Amino acid sequence: MSMRAEEDHPDVWRRYNPRQTLINYAWYVGIVFVAVWSVSKLDIPWFYFLDAHVQAADLFVRMYPPDWAHLGRITDPLIETIHIATLGTAVTFVIAFPIAFLAARNTSPNVATWFVGRFILVTSRSVNTVVWGLIFVAMFGPGPVAGIWAVAARSIGFVGKLIAESIEEIDEGTVAAIEATGASRLQVLLVGVVPQVLPVVFGTIVYRWDINIRESTVLGFVGAGGIGIQLYASINQFAWQQVSVMLIAVLGVVLVSEFVSAVVRKHIT
């Protein structure tokens, strides 16, 4: 066998050649370096970890048994949390759907509108839901209205980005065929684009509603309505048995929303 054949067909199979292996190791070393550097800059009080397991066990002891008598007092706030998530998601759909067409390159009228659409989506995603809650509490005052708008403001970027990406991946042949019939731009969008992205739209909205159920539970910490107000008050009063009941109730709602979301997305796809 020639030397060239031996080089092309080595006795030991290797996934990466030496150059690729070196690059991979360089990435690993770089990641470890960044992680160590980040931890070193945080000034973490490591001695707190010595008895962390003892404190955690003590907390669980104080949370047991759950104060089930408190369940009747959190039913309305829990339902309010679901309403905040649902209405916030509905507002998200109304606002994010047209913005997605501006943010998609193949449907945006020009570069300026594309930039505006992308800017709105990036701005929405760059601010946490709790921060949006603080902003809208300052605008509307404490209550569920601030929570609804906080959920919507945070969700617009998430939903709009996914819809815009699905619009950019549509079958352009269908659009070209409709344009060849002399259809207007609006007709092209309604007949050629919207039907292709509707499954993604519905799936994304249901998925985001599932996420908003979870996020709405903490909005009460900043006065934006929902069960978070009750949870925050019980934590401040060290009423851990009440806290355990609320955590169990929130977990139950999240599990139900996860199941509903999975079933709906399965039927959509």
Protein backbone atom coordinates (compact mmCIF):
# COMPACT_ATOMS: atom_id res chain seq x y z
CA MET A 1 0.00 0.00 0.00
CA SER A 2 1.34 3.41 -0.90
CA MET A 3 2.09 6.18 1.59
CA ARG A 4 -0.76 8.26 0.10
CA ALA A 5 -3.27 5.45 0.65
CA GLU A 6 -2.13 5.04 4.24
CA GLU A 7 -2.72 8.76 4.86
CA ASP A 8 -6.19 8.62 3.28
CA HIS A 9 -7.18 5.46 5.18
CA PRO A 10 -5.54 5.46 8.63
CA ASP A 11 -5.73 2.37 10.81
CA VAL A 12 -7.41 4.33 13.66
CA TRP A 13 -10.49 6.37 12.82
CA ARG A 14 -10.50 9.88 14.24
CA ARG A 15 -13.49 12.19 14.27
CA TYR A 16 -11.39 15.35 14.02
CA ASN A 17 -8.06 16.00 12.36
CA PRO A 18 -5.25 17.51 14.48
CA ARG A 19 -6.14 21.08 13.49
CA GLN A 20 -9.83 20.65 14.43
CA THR A 21 -8.84 18.97 17.69
CA LEU A 22 -6.59 21.91 18.57
CA ILE A 23 -9.38 24.38 17.84
CA ASN A 24 -11.83 22.41 20.00
CA TYR A 25 -9.40 22.34 22.92
CA ALA A 26 -8.85 26.07 22.50
CA TRP A 27 -12.61 26.61 22.80
CA TYR A 28 -12.76 24.46 25.95
CA VAL A 29 -9.89 26.34 27.55
CA GLY A 30 -11.48 29.65 26.61
CA ILE A 31 -14.83 28.68 28.13
CA VAL A 32 -13.17 27.54 31.36
CA PHE A 33 -11.15 30.75 31.51
CA VAL A 34 -14.26 32.94 31.06
CA ALA A 35 -16.15 30.94 33.71
CA VAL A 36 -13.30 31.21 36.24
CA TRP A 37 -12.81 34.90 35.49
CA SER A 38 -16.56 35.59 35.92
CA VAL A 39 -16.73 33.75 39.25
CA SER A 40 -13.62 35.53 40.53
CA LYS A 41 -15.21 38.92 39.83
CA LEU A 42 -18.46 38.18 41.71
CA ASP A 43 -16.92 38.18 45.20
CA ILE A 44 -19.08 35.24 46.27
CA PRO A 45 -19.13 34.59 50.07
CA TRP A 46 -18.30 30.89 49.80
CA PHE A 47 -18.62 30.31 53.56
CA TYR A 48 -22.39 30.61 53.21
CA PHE A 49 -22.33 27.32 51.30
CA LEU A 50 -21.01 25.47 54.34
CA ASP A 51 -24.41 25.34 56.06
CA ALA A 52 -26.63 25.93 53.01
CA HIS A 53 -27.99 22.39 53.21
CA VAL A 54 -28.87 22.91 56.87
CA GLN A 55 -30.74 26.15 56.10
CA ALA A 56 -32.59 24.51 53.20
CA ALA A 57 -33.66 21.59 55.38
CA ASP A 58 -34.82 23.99 58.10
CA LEU A 59 -36.87 25.94 55.56
CA PHE A 60 -38.58 22.79 54.31
CA VAL A 61 -39.38 21.82 57.91
CA ARG A 62 -41.02 25.18 58.52
CA MET A 63 -43.05 24.85 55.30
CA TYR A 64 -44.54 21.52 56.42
CA PRO A 65 -47.38 20.83 56.82
CA PRO A 66 -48.98 23.18 54.27
CA ASP A 67 -51.68 25.46 55.65
CA TRP A 68 -54.53 24.17 53.49
CA ALA A 69 -56.94 26.57 55.19
CA HIS A 70 -55.15 29.33 53.27
CA LEU A 71 -56.13 27.77 49.95
CA GLY A 72 -59.54 29.45 49.90
CA ARG A 73 -57.90 32.88 50.23
CA ILE A 74 -55.62 32.44 47.23
CA THR A 75 -58.18 31.09 44.75
CA ASP A 76 -59.17 34.51 43.42
CA PRO A 77 -55.56 35.78 43.11
CA LEU A 78 -54.63 32.53 41.36
CA ILE A 79 -57.46 32.93 38.86
CA GLU A 80 -56.43 36.56 38.40
CA THR A 81 -52.93 35.34 37.53
CA ILE A 82 -54.35 33.11 34.80
CA HIS A 83 -56.44 36.01 33.46
CA ILE A 84 -53.37 38.27 33.38
CA ALA A 85 -51.42 35.69 31.39
CA THR A 86 -54.32 35.00 29.01
CA LEU A 87 -55.22 38.63 28.31
CA GLY A 88 -51.54 39.58 28.06
CA THR A 89 -51.05 36.86 25.46
CA ALA A 90 -54.11 38.05 23.52
CA VAL A 91 -52.74 41.61 23.46
CA THR A 92 -49.41 40.16 22.33
CA PHE A 93 -51.01 38.50 19.32
CA VAL A 94 -52.80 41.69 18.23
CA ILE A 95 -49.58 43.74 18.39
CA ALA A 96 -46.89 41.21 17.45
CA PHE A 97 -48.60 39.79 14.35
CA PRO A 98 -48.44 42.97 12.21
CA ILE A 99 -45.00 43.88 13.59
CA ALA A 100 -43.71 40.50 12.44
CA PHE A 101 -44.54 41.42 8.82
CA LEU A 102 -42.52 44.61 9.24
CA ALA A 103 -39.60 42.68 10.74
CA ALA A 104 -39.51 40.03 7.99
CA ARG A 105 -37.25 40.94 5.07
CA ASN A 106 -39.51 39.51 2.39
CA THR A 107 -42.67 41.35 3.53
CA SER A 108 -41.34 44.62 4.95
CA PRO A 109 -42.01 47.53 2.55
CA ASN A 110 -38.49 48.97 2.86
CA VAL A 111 -35.35 49.01 4.98
CA ALA A 112 -36.69 51.71 7.30
CA THR A 113 -39.81 49.73 8.26
CA TRP A 114 -37.70 46.58 8.65
CA PHE A 115 -35.40 48.42 11.06
CA VAL A 116 -38.39 49.76 13.04
CA GLY A 117 -39.91 46.29 13.29
CA ARG A 118 -36.65 44.71 14.42
CA PHE A 119 -36.02 47.52 16.89
CA ILE A 120 -39.41 46.96 18.54
CA LEU A 121 -38.81 43.21 18.82
CA VAL A 122 -35.31 43.63 20.26
CA THR A 123 -36.47 46.29 22.74
CA SER A 124 -39.28 44.04 23.95
CA ARG A 125 -36.97 41.06 24.52
CA SER A 126 -34.21 43.06 26.17
CA VAL A 127 -36.34 44.09 29.19
CA ASN A 128 -37.40 41.53 31.80
CA THR A 129 -41.10 41.03 32.60
CA VAL A 130 -40.63 42.27 36.16
CA VAL A 131 -38.99 45.47 34.90
CA TRP A 132 -41.87 45.98 32.48
CA GLY A 133 -44.15 45.44 35.47
CA LEU A 134 -42.43 48.24 37.38
CA ILE A 135 -42.80 50.55 34.39
CA PHE A 136 -46.51 49.86 33.91
CA VAL A 137 -47.25 50.02 37.64
CA ALA A 138 -45.82 53.54 37.51
CA MET A 139 -48.07 54.30 34.51
CA PHE A 140 -51.34 52.58 35.47
CA GLY A 141 -50.93 52.05 39.19
CA PRO A 142 -50.87 48.71 41.02
CA GLY A 143 -53.22 46.01 39.73
CA PRO A 144 -53.82 43.52 36.94
CA VAL A 145 -53.83 46.12 34.15
CA ALA A 146 -50.13 46.74 34.74
CA GLY A 147 -49.57 42.99 34.78
CA ILE A 148 -51.37 42.47 31.47
CA TRP A 149 -49.28 45.10 29.73
CA ALA A 150 -46.08 43.84 31.34
CA VAL A 151 -46.74 40.34 30.01
CA ALA A 152 -47.62 41.70 26.57
CA ALA A 153 -44.61 44.02 26.37
CA ARG A 154 -42.22 41.17 27.14
CA SER A 155 -43.98 38.66 24.86
CA ILE A 156 -44.12 40.84 21.74
CA GLY A 157 -40.44 40.39 21.01
CA PHE A 158 -40.55 36.61 21.52
CA VAL A 159 -43.68 35.98 19.44
CA GLY A 160 -42.86 38.57 16.77
CA LYS A 161 -39.36 37.21 16.21
CA LEU A 162 -40.54 33.62 15.70
CA ILE A 163 -43.35 34.68 13.37
CA ALA A 164 -41.00 36.94 11.37
CA GLU A 165 -38.55 34.08 10.92
CA SER A 166 -41.34 31.78 9.74
CA ILE A 167 -42.46 34.45 7.24
CA GLU A 168 -38.93 34.62 5.83
CA GLU A 169 -38.97 30.83 5.32
CA ILE A 170 -42.25 30.61 3.36
CA ASP A 171 -42.51 29.08 -0.10
CA GLU A 172 -41.87 32.02 -2.41
CA GLY A 173 -43.24 30.05 -5.36
CA THR A 174 -46.76 30.31 -3.97
CA VAL A 175 -46.35 34.06 -3.51
CA ALA A 176 -45.03 34.49 -7.06
CA ALA A 177 -47.97 32.53 -8.48
CA ILE A 178 -50.47 34.76 -6.67
CA GLU A 179 -48.64 37.91 -7.77
CA ALA A 180 -48.80 36.67 -11.37
CA THR A 181 -52.60 36.81 -11.19
CA GLY A 182 -52.43 40.56 -10.61
CA ALA A 183 -53.34 40.39 -6.92
CA SER A 184 -52.68 43.42 -4.75
CA ARG A 185 -50.00 43.40 -2.05
CA LEU A 186 -52.63 42.94 0.66
CA GLN A 187 -54.19 40.01 -1.20
CA VAL A 188 -50.77 38.41 -1.61
CA LEU A 189 -50.19 38.66 2.14
CA LEU A 190 -53.64 37.33 3.05
CA VAL A 191 -53.71 34.47 0.52
CA GLY A 192 -50.06 33.63 -0.06
CA VAL A 193 -48.29 34.36 3.22
CA VAL A 194 -50.71 34.16 6.14
CA PRO A 195 -51.96 30.58 5.46
CA GLN A 196 -48.36 29.34 5.38
CA VAL A 197 -47.45 30.84 8.77
CA LEU A 198 -50.70 30.26 10.68
CA PRO A 199 -49.58 26.93 12.22
CA VAL A 200 -46.44 28.63 13.53
CA VAL A 201 -48.48 31.59 14.78
CA PHE A 202 -50.92 29.44 16.74
CA GLY A 203 -48.19 27.19 18.10
CA THR A 204 -46.08 30.15 19.20
CA ILE A 205 -49.02 31.90 20.87
CA VAL A 206 -49.98 28.79 22.84
CA TYR A 207 -46.37 28.20 23.84
CA ARG A 208 -45.98 31.81 24.96
CA TRP A 209 -49.22 31.60 26.96
CA ASP A 210 -47.71 28.66 28.80
CA ILE A 211 -44.63 30.76 29.59
CA ASN A 212 -46.74 33.75 30.64
CA ILE A 213 -48.61 31.64 33.19
CA ARG A 214 -45.31 31.13 35.00
CA GLU A 215 -44.09 34.69 34.64
CA SER A 216 -47.39 36.15 35.88
CA THR A 217 -46.95 34.45 39.25
CA VAL A 218 -44.12 36.82 40.22
CA LEU A 219 -45.58 40.06 38.87
CA GLY A 220 -47.34 40.63 42.18
CA PHE A 221 -43.92 41.20 43.75
CA VAL A 222 -43.89 44.61 42.04
CA GLY A 223 -47.61 45.28 42.49
CA ALA A 224 -48.77 44.11 39.06
CA GLY A 225 -51.55 41.83 40.34
CA GLY A 226 -51.92 38.10 40.65
CA ILE A 227 -50.95 35.63 43.33
CA GLY A 228 -47.50 37.17 43.63
CA ILE A 229 -48.88 39.82 46.00
CA GLN A 230 -50.08 37.15 48.42
CA LEU A 231 -46.85 35.19 48.03
CA TYR A 232 -44.72 38.24 48.72
CA ALA A 233 -46.76 39.13 51.81
CA SER A 234 -46.50 35.62 53.24
CA ILE A 235 -42.74 35.51 52.68
CA ASN A 236 -42.31 38.84 54.45
CA GLN A 237 -44.36 37.53 57.39
CA PHE A 238 -42.35 34.26 57.47
CA ALA A 239 -45.63 32.37 57.04
CA TRP A 240 -43.88 29.47 55.35
CA GLN A 241 -46.82 27.07 55.63
CA GLN A 242 -48.90 29.52 53.60
CA VAL A 243 -46.03 29.86 51.14
CA SER A 244 -45.94 26.10 50.61
CA VAL A 245 -49.66 26.06 49.80
CA MET A 246 -49.21 28.82 47.22
CA LEU A 247 -46.20 27.12 45.65
CA ILE A 248 -48.17 23.88 45.34
CA ALA A 249 -51.11 25.77 43.79
CA VAL A 250 -48.81 27.54 41.32
CA LEU A 251 -47.18 24.23 40.44
CA GLY A 252 -50.60 22.72 39.77
CA VAL A 253 -51.58 25.59 37.46
CA VAL A 254 -48.26 25.39 35.61
CA LEU A 255 -48.65 21.63 35.09
CA VAL A 256 -52.18 22.09 33.74
CA SER A 257 -51.04 24.88 31.40
CA GLU A 258 -48.15 22.69 30.22
CA PHE A 259 -50.58 19.87 29.44
CA VAL A 260 -53.02 22.18 27.63
CA SER A 261 -50.18 23.75 25.65
CA ALA A 262 -48.81 20.36 24.60
CA VAL A 263 -52.24 19.09 23.51
CA VAL A 264 -53.07 22.22 21.51
CA ARG A 265 -49.67 22.34 19.78
CA LYS A 266 -49.96 18.65 18.92
CA HIS A 267 -53.31 19.21 17.20
CA ILE A 268 -52.01 22.31 15.40
CA THR A 269 -49.00 20.56 13.95
